[in-house]
Amino acid sequence: MGAASGSASGAAEGNEDAALGSIATEYLLTGRLPEAEKGLRAFLAVPRPEAAAARARFYLGQVYYLQGKLQPAVLELLLARPRYYAAVEPWLENCLQRLSGS
């Protein structure tokens, strides 16, 4: 069970990484934010391992921020924060500053 299970788990994580990488490359990095939002929301509609879900939520928070959707950005960033604290903090701080009007 151990070796096969670990191997299957690694393959699943590789598939998650490939799917997120595809969304990031096709949409996020090319500025196609509505498509990135749709792709990330579809990705998160299926149960995912914690690491993949947190990364997708971080990306989705960035997409929302870049579209000016600050409240949903804050939510997604907070959900990603436990796993990606250092990466999330500047985005979250900017969202909160913009929401407070400062």
N, C-alpha and C. Protein backbone atom coordinates (compact mmCIF):
# COMPACT_ATOMS: atom_id res chain seq x y z
N MET A 1 0.82 -1.20 0.00
CA MET A 1 0.00 0.00 0.00
C MET A 1 0.86 1.26 0.00
N GLY A 2 1.92 1.31 0.81
CA GLY A 2 2.71 2.51 0.98
C GLY A 2 3.33 3.04 -0.30
N ALA A 3 4.11 2.21 -1.01
CA ALA A 3 4.80 2.70 -2.20
C ALA A 3 3.83 3.05 -3.31
N ALA A 4 2.86 2.19 -3.54
CA ALA A 4 1.88 2.46 -4.60
C ALA A 4 1.05 3.68 -4.24
N SER A 5 0.68 3.78 -2.98
CA SER A 5 -0.13 4.91 -2.54
C SER A 5 0.65 6.21 -2.68
N GLY A 6 1.92 6.21 -2.27
CA GLY A 6 2.74 7.41 -2.39
C GLY A 6 2.95 7.79 -3.83
N SER A 7 3.14 6.80 -4.69
CA SER A 7 3.32 7.05 -6.11
C SER A 7 2.05 7.63 -6.73
N ALA A 8 0.90 7.09 -6.36
CA ALA A 8 -0.37 7.61 -6.87
C ALA A 8 -0.60 9.03 -6.38
N SER A 9 -0.25 9.27 -5.13
CA SER A 9 -0.40 10.61 -4.57
C SER A 9 0.50 11.60 -5.30
N GLY A 10 1.73 11.20 -5.58
CA GLY A 10 2.65 12.07 -6.30
C GLY A 10 2.15 12.36 -7.70
N ALA A 11 1.58 11.36 -8.36
CA ALA A 11 1.03 11.56 -9.71
C ALA A 11 -0.15 12.52 -9.66
N ALA A 12 -1.00 12.37 -8.64
CA ALA A 12 -2.15 13.27 -8.51
C ALA A 12 -1.68 14.70 -8.29
N GLU A 13 -0.65 14.88 -7.45
CA GLU A 13 -0.13 16.22 -7.21
C GLU A 13 0.47 16.79 -8.48
N GLY A 14 1.13 15.94 -9.27
CA GLY A 14 1.68 16.40 -10.54
C GLY A 14 0.59 16.86 -11.49
N ASN A 15 -0.53 16.14 -11.50
CA ASN A 15 -1.67 16.55 -12.33
C ASN A 15 -2.24 17.87 -11.86
N GLU A 16 -2.32 18.06 -10.55
CA GLU A 16 -2.83 19.32 -9.99
C GLU A 16 -1.91 20.46 -10.42
N ASP A 17 -0.60 20.24 -10.29
CA ASP A 17 0.37 21.26 -10.67
C ASP A 17 0.27 21.59 -12.15
N ALA A 18 0.10 20.57 -12.98
CA ALA A 18 -0.01 20.78 -14.42
C ALA A 18 -1.26 21.58 -14.75
N ALA A 19 -2.38 21.26 -14.10
CA ALA A 19 -3.63 21.98 -14.36
C ALA A 19 -3.51 23.44 -13.94
N LEU A 20 -2.95 23.69 -12.76
CA LEU A 20 -2.77 25.07 -12.31
C LEU A 20 -1.78 25.82 -13.20
N GLY A 21 -0.72 25.14 -13.58
CA GLY A 21 0.27 25.76 -14.46
C GLY A 21 -0.34 26.15 -15.79
N SER A 22 -1.21 25.31 -16.30
CA SER A 22 -1.88 25.59 -17.57
C SER A 22 -2.78 26.83 -17.45
N ILE A 23 -3.53 26.91 -16.38
CA ILE A 23 -4.40 28.08 -16.16
C ILE A 23 -3.55 29.34 -16.03
N ALA A 24 -2.48 29.25 -15.25
CA ALA A 24 -1.62 30.42 -15.04
C ALA A 24 -0.97 30.87 -16.35
N THR A 25 -0.46 29.91 -17.12
CA THR A 25 0.23 30.24 -18.37
C THR A 25 -0.72 30.76 -19.43
N GLU A 26 -1.86 30.09 -19.58
CA GLU A 26 -2.79 30.47 -20.65
C GLU A 26 -3.52 31.77 -20.36
N TYR A 27 -3.90 31.99 -19.11
CA TYR A 27 -4.79 33.10 -18.81
C TYR A 27 -4.18 34.16 -17.90
N LEU A 28 -3.67 33.77 -16.77
CA LEU A 28 -3.20 34.74 -15.79
C LEU A 28 -2.01 35.54 -16.31
N LEU A 29 -1.01 34.86 -16.83
CA LEU A 29 0.19 35.54 -17.29
C LEU A 29 -0.02 36.32 -18.58
N THR A 30 -1.08 36.03 -19.29
CA THR A 30 -1.37 36.76 -20.53
C THR A 30 -2.41 37.85 -20.32
N GLY A 31 -2.82 38.05 -19.05
CA GLY A 31 -3.76 39.13 -18.74
C GLY A 31 -5.20 38.82 -19.06
N ARG A 32 -5.51 37.58 -19.35
CA ARG A 32 -6.90 37.19 -19.65
C ARG A 32 -7.58 36.83 -18.33
N LEU A 33 -7.84 37.87 -17.54
CA LEU A 33 -8.30 37.68 -16.17
C LEU A 33 -9.67 37.03 -16.05
N PRO A 34 -10.67 37.39 -16.85
CA PRO A 34 -11.96 36.69 -16.72
C PRO A 34 -11.83 35.18 -16.99
N GLU A 35 -11.00 34.81 -17.96
CA GLU A 35 -10.79 33.39 -18.25
C GLU A 35 -10.02 32.72 -17.12
N ALA A 36 -9.05 33.43 -16.54
CA ALA A 36 -8.31 32.89 -15.40
C ALA A 36 -9.25 32.66 -14.22
N GLU A 37 -10.12 33.63 -13.97
CA GLU A 37 -11.09 33.48 -12.87
C GLU A 37 -11.97 32.26 -13.10
N LYS A 38 -12.48 32.13 -14.31
CA LYS A 38 -13.35 30.99 -14.62
C LYS A 38 -12.61 29.66 -14.47
N GLY A 39 -11.38 29.59 -14.98
CA GLY A 39 -10.60 28.37 -14.88
C GLY A 39 -10.27 28.01 -13.44
N LEU A 40 -9.91 28.99 -12.64
CA LEU A 40 -9.57 28.73 -11.24
C LEU A 40 -10.80 28.33 -10.44
N ARG A 41 -11.92 28.96 -10.72
CA ARG A 41 -13.16 28.58 -10.02
C ARG A 41 -13.56 27.15 -10.39
N ALA A 42 -13.40 26.78 -11.66
CA ALA A 42 -13.70 25.41 -12.07
C ALA A 42 -12.73 24.43 -11.41
N PHE A 43 -11.47 24.80 -11.32
CA PHE A 43 -10.48 23.96 -10.65
C PHE A 43 -10.88 23.72 -9.20
N LEU A 44 -11.32 24.76 -8.51
CA LEU A 44 -11.69 24.66 -7.10
C LEU A 44 -13.05 24.01 -6.87
N ALA A 45 -13.84 23.84 -7.92
CA ALA A 45 -15.16 23.21 -7.78
C ALA A 45 -15.04 21.71 -7.52
N VAL A 46 -13.86 21.17 -7.77
CA VAL A 46 -13.58 19.75 -7.55
C VAL A 46 -12.71 19.64 -6.30
N PRO A 47 -12.97 18.68 -5.42
CA PRO A 47 -12.11 18.54 -4.23
C PRO A 47 -10.64 18.37 -4.64
N ARG A 48 -9.78 19.13 -4.00
CA ARG A 48 -8.35 19.13 -4.32
C ARG A 48 -7.52 18.92 -3.06
N PRO A 49 -6.29 18.44 -3.20
CA PRO A 49 -5.40 18.39 -2.04
C PRO A 49 -5.19 19.80 -1.49
N GLU A 50 -4.92 19.88 -0.20
CA GLU A 50 -4.82 21.18 0.47
C GLU A 50 -3.83 22.12 -0.21
N ALA A 51 -2.67 21.62 -0.58
CA ALA A 51 -1.64 22.48 -1.18
C ALA A 51 -2.12 23.05 -2.51
N ALA A 52 -2.73 22.23 -3.35
CA ALA A 52 -3.21 22.69 -4.65
C ALA A 52 -4.35 23.67 -4.49
N ALA A 53 -5.26 23.40 -3.57
CA ALA A 53 -6.38 24.31 -3.34
C ALA A 53 -5.88 25.65 -2.82
N ALA A 54 -4.92 25.63 -1.91
CA ALA A 54 -4.39 26.89 -1.37
C ALA A 54 -3.71 27.70 -2.46
N ARG A 55 -2.94 27.03 -3.31
CA ARG A 55 -2.28 27.76 -4.40
C ARG A 55 -3.29 28.33 -5.38
N ALA A 56 -4.32 27.55 -5.70
CA ALA A 56 -5.37 28.05 -6.60
C ALA A 56 -6.08 29.24 -5.97
N ARG A 57 -6.33 29.19 -4.67
CA ARG A 57 -6.99 30.31 -4.00
C ARG A 57 -6.09 31.55 -4.00
N PHE A 58 -4.79 31.36 -3.85
CA PHE A 58 -3.86 32.49 -3.93
C PHE A 58 -3.93 33.11 -5.33
N TYR A 59 -3.87 32.28 -6.36
CA TYR A 59 -3.98 32.79 -7.73
C TYR A 59 -5.32 33.50 -7.95
N LEU A 60 -6.39 32.90 -7.44
CA LEU A 60 -7.72 33.50 -7.62
C LEU A 60 -7.79 34.83 -6.88
N GLY A 61 -7.20 34.91 -5.70
CA GLY A 61 -7.14 36.18 -4.98
C GLY A 61 -6.42 37.25 -5.80
N GLN A 62 -5.33 36.87 -6.44
CA GLN A 62 -4.61 37.80 -7.30
C GLN A 62 -5.48 38.26 -8.47
N VAL A 63 -6.17 37.31 -9.08
CA VAL A 63 -7.04 37.64 -10.22
C VAL A 63 -8.12 38.62 -9.79
N TYR A 64 -8.77 38.33 -8.67
CA TYR A 64 -9.80 39.24 -8.17
C TYR A 64 -9.21 40.62 -7.89
N TYR A 65 -8.06 40.67 -7.25
CA TYR A 65 -7.41 41.95 -6.96
C TYR A 65 -7.16 42.73 -8.24
N LEU A 66 -6.60 42.08 -9.24
CA LEU A 66 -6.27 42.75 -10.50
C LEU A 66 -7.51 43.22 -11.25
N GLN A 67 -8.66 42.60 -10.96
CA GLN A 67 -9.92 43.02 -11.58
C GLN A 67 -10.64 44.07 -10.72
N GLY A 68 -10.07 44.42 -9.57
CA GLY A 68 -10.71 45.39 -8.69
C GLY A 68 -11.81 44.79 -7.83
N LYS A 69 -11.89 43.47 -7.77
CA LYS A 69 -12.89 42.77 -6.95
C LYS A 69 -12.25 42.49 -5.59
N LEU A 70 -12.19 43.53 -4.77
CA LEU A 70 -11.37 43.47 -3.57
C LEU A 70 -11.94 42.57 -2.47
N GLN A 71 -13.24 42.58 -2.26
CA GLN A 71 -13.80 41.74 -1.20
C GLN A 71 -13.60 40.25 -1.48
N PRO A 72 -13.91 39.76 -2.69
CA PRO A 72 -13.61 38.34 -2.95
C PRO A 72 -12.10 38.06 -2.91
N ALA A 73 -11.30 39.05 -3.30
CA ALA A 73 -9.84 38.86 -3.23
C ALA A 73 -9.40 38.61 -1.80
N VAL A 74 -9.93 39.41 -0.87
CA VAL A 74 -9.57 39.24 0.55
C VAL A 74 -9.95 37.84 1.02
N LEU A 75 -11.14 37.39 0.68
CA LEU A 75 -11.58 36.06 1.11
C LEU A 75 -10.64 34.97 0.60
N GLU A 76 -10.33 34.99 -0.68
CA GLU A 76 -9.47 33.95 -1.25
C GLU A 76 -8.06 34.02 -0.67
N LEU A 77 -7.56 35.23 -0.48
CA LEU A 77 -6.22 35.37 0.10
C LEU A 77 -6.18 34.87 1.54
N LEU A 78 -7.23 35.14 2.30
CA LEU A 78 -7.28 34.64 3.67
C LEU A 78 -7.31 33.11 3.70
N LEU A 79 -8.01 32.51 2.75
CA LEU A 79 -8.06 31.05 2.68
C LEU A 79 -6.71 30.44 2.30
N ALA A 80 -5.92 31.17 1.52
CA ALA A 80 -4.60 30.69 1.11
C ALA A 80 -3.52 31.02 2.14
N ARG A 81 -3.80 31.96 3.01
CA ARG A 81 -2.80 32.50 3.94
C ARG A 81 -2.11 31.47 4.83
N PRO A 82 -2.81 30.50 5.41
CA PRO A 82 -2.10 29.56 6.29
C PRO A 82 -0.96 28.81 5.58
N ARG A 83 -1.12 28.56 4.32
CA ARG A 83 -0.11 27.78 3.58
C ARG A 83 0.92 28.68 2.89
N TYR A 84 0.51 29.87 2.47
CA TYR A 84 1.37 30.75 1.68
C TYR A 84 1.47 32.14 2.31
N TYR A 85 1.73 32.17 3.60
CA TYR A 85 1.69 33.42 4.36
C TYR A 85 2.54 34.52 3.72
N ALA A 86 3.81 34.24 3.46
CA ALA A 86 4.72 35.27 2.96
C ALA A 86 4.27 35.82 1.60
N ALA A 87 3.75 34.97 0.74
CA ALA A 87 3.30 35.42 -0.58
C ALA A 87 1.99 36.19 -0.50
N VAL A 88 1.13 35.79 0.42
CA VAL A 88 -0.21 36.38 0.54
C VAL A 88 -0.17 37.77 1.18
N GLU A 89 0.68 37.96 2.17
CA GLU A 89 0.64 39.18 2.98
C GLU A 89 0.66 40.48 2.19
N PRO A 90 1.57 40.67 1.22
CA PRO A 90 1.55 41.95 0.50
C PRO A 90 0.25 42.17 -0.29
N TRP A 91 -0.28 41.10 -0.87
CA TRP A 91 -1.53 41.22 -1.62
C TRP A 91 -2.68 41.57 -0.69
N LEU A 92 -2.72 40.89 0.44
CA LEU A 92 -3.78 41.12 1.42
C LEU A 92 -3.70 42.54 1.98
N GLU A 93 -2.50 42.97 2.29
CA GLU A 93 -2.31 44.33 2.81
C GLU A 93 -2.80 45.37 1.81
N ASN A 94 -2.46 45.19 0.54
CA ASN A 94 -2.91 46.13 -0.50
C ASN A 94 -4.42 46.13 -0.64
N CYS A 95 -5.03 44.96 -0.60
CA CYS A 95 -6.50 44.87 -0.67
C CYS A 95 -7.13 45.66 0.47
N LEU A 96 -6.65 45.41 1.67
CA LEU A 96 -7.24 46.07 2.84
C LEU A 96 -7.02 47.57 2.81
N GLN A 97 -5.86 48.02 2.34
CA GLN A 97 -5.62 49.46 2.21
C GLN A 97 -6.59 50.08 1.20
N ARG A 98 -6.78 49.41 0.08
CA ARG A 98 -7.69 49.94 -0.94
C ARG A 98 -9.13 49.94 -0.45
N LEU A 99 -9.52 48.91 0.29
CA LEU A 99 -10.88 48.86 0.82
C LEU A 99 -11.12 49.95 1.86
N SER A 100 -10.08 50.29 2.62
CA SER A 100 -10.24 51.32 3.65
C SER A 100 -10.12 52.72 3.08
N GLY A 101 -9.72 52.81 1.81
CA GLY A 101 -9.63 54.11 1.16
C GLY A 101 -8.33 54.84 1.43
N SER A 102 -7.34 54.16 2.02
CA SER A 102 -6.08 54.86 2.29
C SER A 102 -5.03 54.55 1.26
